[in-house]
C-alpha cells in the first residue's frame, strides 16, 4: 500500500484533531474534587500565595525571591532584625497594596508612605519595633527591601528631645 502526500497530510491532521478533542473532553467532563468550604459556603483556596520568611509578622508574596548577597538578618532569642532583600517581576503598585493590607492585618501601624515614580517607601511600627519597606523598579525586576529594627528603649516614636540631640 502506497500513500501519497495528500493522504499523509490528511492522516496527520486527523490524528491531531483526535488528540486535541480528547484533551478538551477530558478537561470538560472531569469532576473537580470538592474541598472544604468557608462559613459563607465558598470553597477554601489551598494555593499558598504568600509566606513568612525571617520576620514572623511580615508576609511576603511568593512571586518574590530572596537576594542572599543583599540580605542580612540577625536572630537572637526573642527577636529578629535586619534587612531582607527580595526581587521579582511584580508590579510595584500591587506590592504596595499587598504590604499595606497585610502589614495592618499583622498588627503593624502605618507611620508613613512615600511614593515616587520609581520608588515607594512604607514605614510601619509596633510597640517595640519599626519596619521600613522600600519597593523600587529596576530594569527587569522589582526589588523589595524590608528592614525590621527595634525601637530605642522600646520608645514608640521620635520625641522632640531626640531630634535636637
Protein backbone atom coordinates (compact mmCIF):
# COMPACT_ATOMS: atom_id res chain seq x y z
CA UNK A 1 0.00 0.00 0.00
CA UNK A 2 1.44 3.28 -1.08
CA UNK A 3 0.39 6.66 0.40
CA UNK A 4 0.73 9.94 -1.41
CA UNK A 5 1.48 13.30 0.24
CA UNK A 6 -2.19 14.30 0.45
CA UNK A 7 -3.07 11.11 2.31
CA UNK A 8 -0.24 11.58 4.80
CA UNK A 9 -1.30 15.17 5.47
CA UNK A 10 -4.93 14.07 5.98
CA UNK A 11 -3.85 11.37 8.45
CA UNK A 12 -1.66 13.78 10.42
CA UNK A 13 -4.43 16.40 10.59
CA UNK A 14 -6.99 13.76 11.62
CA UNK A 15 -4.70 12.40 14.38
CA UNK A 16 -4.00 15.92 15.65
CA UNK A 17 -7.73 16.64 15.75
CA UNK A 18 -8.41 13.42 17.67
CA UNK A 19 -5.72 14.26 20.28
CA UNK A 20 -6.99 17.82 20.60
CA UNK A 21 -10.60 16.73 21.11
CA UNK A 22 -9.56 14.03 23.58
CA UNK A 23 -7.69 16.62 25.66
CA UNK A 24 -10.63 19.03 25.60
CA UNK A 25 -13.22 16.44 26.54
CA UNK A 26 -11.24 15.03 29.45
CA UNK A 27 -10.98 18.53 30.97
CA UNK A 28 -14.60 19.40 30.26
CA UNK A 29 -16.24 16.36 31.77
CA UNK A 30 -13.97 15.63 34.69
CA UNK A 31 -15.45 16.29 38.09
CA UNK A 32 -13.49 18.70 40.23
CA UNK A 33 -12.76 17.46 43.74
CA UNK A 34 -14.84 19.13 46.36
CA UNK A 35 -12.75 20.82 49.02
CA UNK A 36 -13.53 22.36 52.35
CA UNK A 37 -15.81 25.36 52.44
CA UNK A 38 -15.76 28.53 54.49
CA UNK A 39 -18.66 29.61 56.69
CA UNK A 40 -20.10 31.53 53.73
CA UNK A 41 -20.17 28.40 51.58
CA UNK A 42 -17.25 29.49 49.39
CA UNK A 43 -14.58 26.84 48.71
CA UNK A 44 -11.34 27.35 50.62
CA UNK A 45 -8.34 28.12 48.47
CA UNK A 46 -5.42 25.85 49.22
CA UNK A 47 -2.96 27.66 46.98
CA UNK A 48 -0.30 29.46 49.01
CA UNK A 49 0.29 32.95 47.66
CA UNK A 50 2.46 34.40 50.43
CA UNK A 51 4.83 33.21 53.14
CA UNK A 52 6.63 34.43 56.24
CA UNK A 53 10.41 34.26 55.93
CA UNK A 54 12.77 35.55 58.62
CA UNK A 55 10.36 38.04 60.15
CA UNK A 56 7.42 36.17 61.66
CA UNK A 57 4.94 39.01 61.17
CA UNK A 58 5.91 40.35 57.73
CA UNK A 59 4.12 38.43 54.98
CA UNK A 60 5.95 38.14 51.62
CA UNK A 61 4.33 37.37 48.22
CA UNK A 62 5.50 34.06 46.71
CA UNK A 63 6.45 35.86 43.47
CA UNK A 64 9.42 37.44 45.27
CA UNK A 65 12.64 35.53 45.83
CA UNK A 66 15.36 36.31 48.37
CA UNK A 67 18.56 38.01 47.15
CA UNK A 68 21.02 36.31 49.50
CA UNK A 69 24.03 38.56 48.91
CA UNK A 70 21.97 41.65 49.82
CA UNK A 71 20.22 40.18 52.89
CA UNK A 72 21.40 40.46 56.50
CA UNK A 73 19.21 39.07 59.26
CA UNK A 74 20.27 38.72 62.89
CA UNK A 75 18.30 36.47 65.21
CA UNK A 76 18.56 36.50 68.98
CA UNK A 77 16.31 34.72 71.45
CA UNK A 78 13.00 36.52 71.22
CA UNK A 79 13.91 38.95 68.44
CA UNK A 80 14.89 39.02 64.78
CA UNK A 81 16.06 42.14 62.95
CA UNK A 82 17.89 43.05 59.79
CA UNK A 83 17.28 43.71 56.10
CA UNK A 84 15.65 41.16 53.84
CA UNK A 85 16.15 41.90 50.13
CA UNK A 86 13.87 40.29 47.55
CA UNK A 87 13.28 40.56 43.83
CA UNK A 88 10.64 39.51 41.36
CA UNK A 89 8.66 40.51 38.32
CA UNK A 90 5.81 42.10 40.22
CA UNK A 91 4.05 45.42 39.70
CA UNK A 92 5.14 47.99 42.30
CA UNK A 93 1.56 49.18 42.87
CA UNK A 94 0.35 45.66 43.61
CA UNK A 95 3.22 45.22 46.09
CA UNK A 96 2.26 48.49 47.75
CA UNK A 97 -1.34 47.26 48.12
CA UNK A 98 -0.18 43.84 49.33
CA UNK A 99 2.09 45.22 52.06
CA UNK A 100 -0.36 47.95 53.04
CA UNK A 101 -3.12 45.38 53.63
CA UNK A 102 -1.09 42.56 55.16
CA UNK A 103 1.09 44.62 57.47
CA UNK A 104 -2.05 46.07 59.05
CA UNK A 105 -3.52 42.55 59.35
CA UNK A 106 -0.35 41.59 61.25
CA UNK A 107 -0.98 44.49 63.65
CA UNK A 108 1.58 46.94 62.24
CA UNK A 109 0.58 50.62 62.38
CA UNK A 110 1.24 52.78 59.33
CA UNK A 111 3.57 55.69 60.15
CA UNK A 112 4.38 56.97 56.68
CA UNK A 113 4.11 56.18 52.98
CA UNK A 114 6.11 57.92 50.27
CA UNK A 115 5.50 57.28 46.58
CA UNK A 116 7.60 58.48 43.66
CA UNK A 117 7.64 57.32 40.02
CA UNK A 118 10.28 54.63 40.66
CA UNK A 119 10.34 54.08 44.44
CA UNK A 120 7.84 53.52 47.23
CA UNK A 121 8.80 53.69 50.91
CA UNK A 122 6.46 52.41 53.60
CA UNK A 123 7.12 52.77 57.34
CA UNK A 124 5.29 50.67 59.93
CA UNK A 125 5.52 50.42 63.70
CA UNK A 126 4.69 48.02 66.50
CA UNK A 127 5.19 48.58 70.22
CA UNK A 128 8.92 47.82 70.21
CA UNK A 129 9.83 47.62 66.50
CA UNK A 130 9.89 49.61 63.29
CA UNK A 131 9.67 48.18 59.77
CA UNK A 132 10.66 50.04 56.63
CA UNK A 133 9.71 48.59 53.24
CA UNK A 134 11.41 50.03 50.17
CA UNK A 135 9.97 48.99 46.78
CA UNK A 136 11.82 50.08 43.65
CA UNK A 137 11.61 49.30 39.97
CA UNK A 138 14.77 48.47 38.08
CA UNK A 139 15.34 47.25 34.51
CA UNK A 140 13.87 43.74 34.70
CA UNK A 141 12.94 43.18 38.33
CA UNK A 142 11.20 45.00 41.13
CA UNK A 143 13.31 44.95 44.29
CA UNK A 144 11.89 44.98 47.80
CA UNK A 145 13.99 45.71 50.88
CA UNK A 146 12.33 45.01 54.20
CA UNK A 147 14.11 46.31 57.27
CA UNK A 148 12.98 45.46 60.78
CA UNK A 149 14.70 47.00 63.80
CA UNK A 150 13.94 47.54 67.47
CA UNK A 151 12.98 50.97 68.69
CA UNK A 152 15.41 52.53 71.14
CA UNK A 153 14.40 51.59 74.70
CA UNK A 154 11.01 50.47 73.43
CA UNK A 155 10.02 54.05 72.52
CA UNK A 156 7.04 54.33 70.21
CA UNK A 157 8.19 57.31 68.16
CA UNK A 158 10.60 60.18 67.92
CA UNK A 159 10.35 62.82 70.58
CA UNK A 160 11.46 66.44 70.14
CA UNK A 161 14.37 65.90 72.53
CA UNK A 162 15.76 63.04 70.42
CA UNK A 163 15.62 65.24 67.32
CA UNK A 164 17.64 68.06 68.90
CA UNK A 165 20.37 65.88 70.41
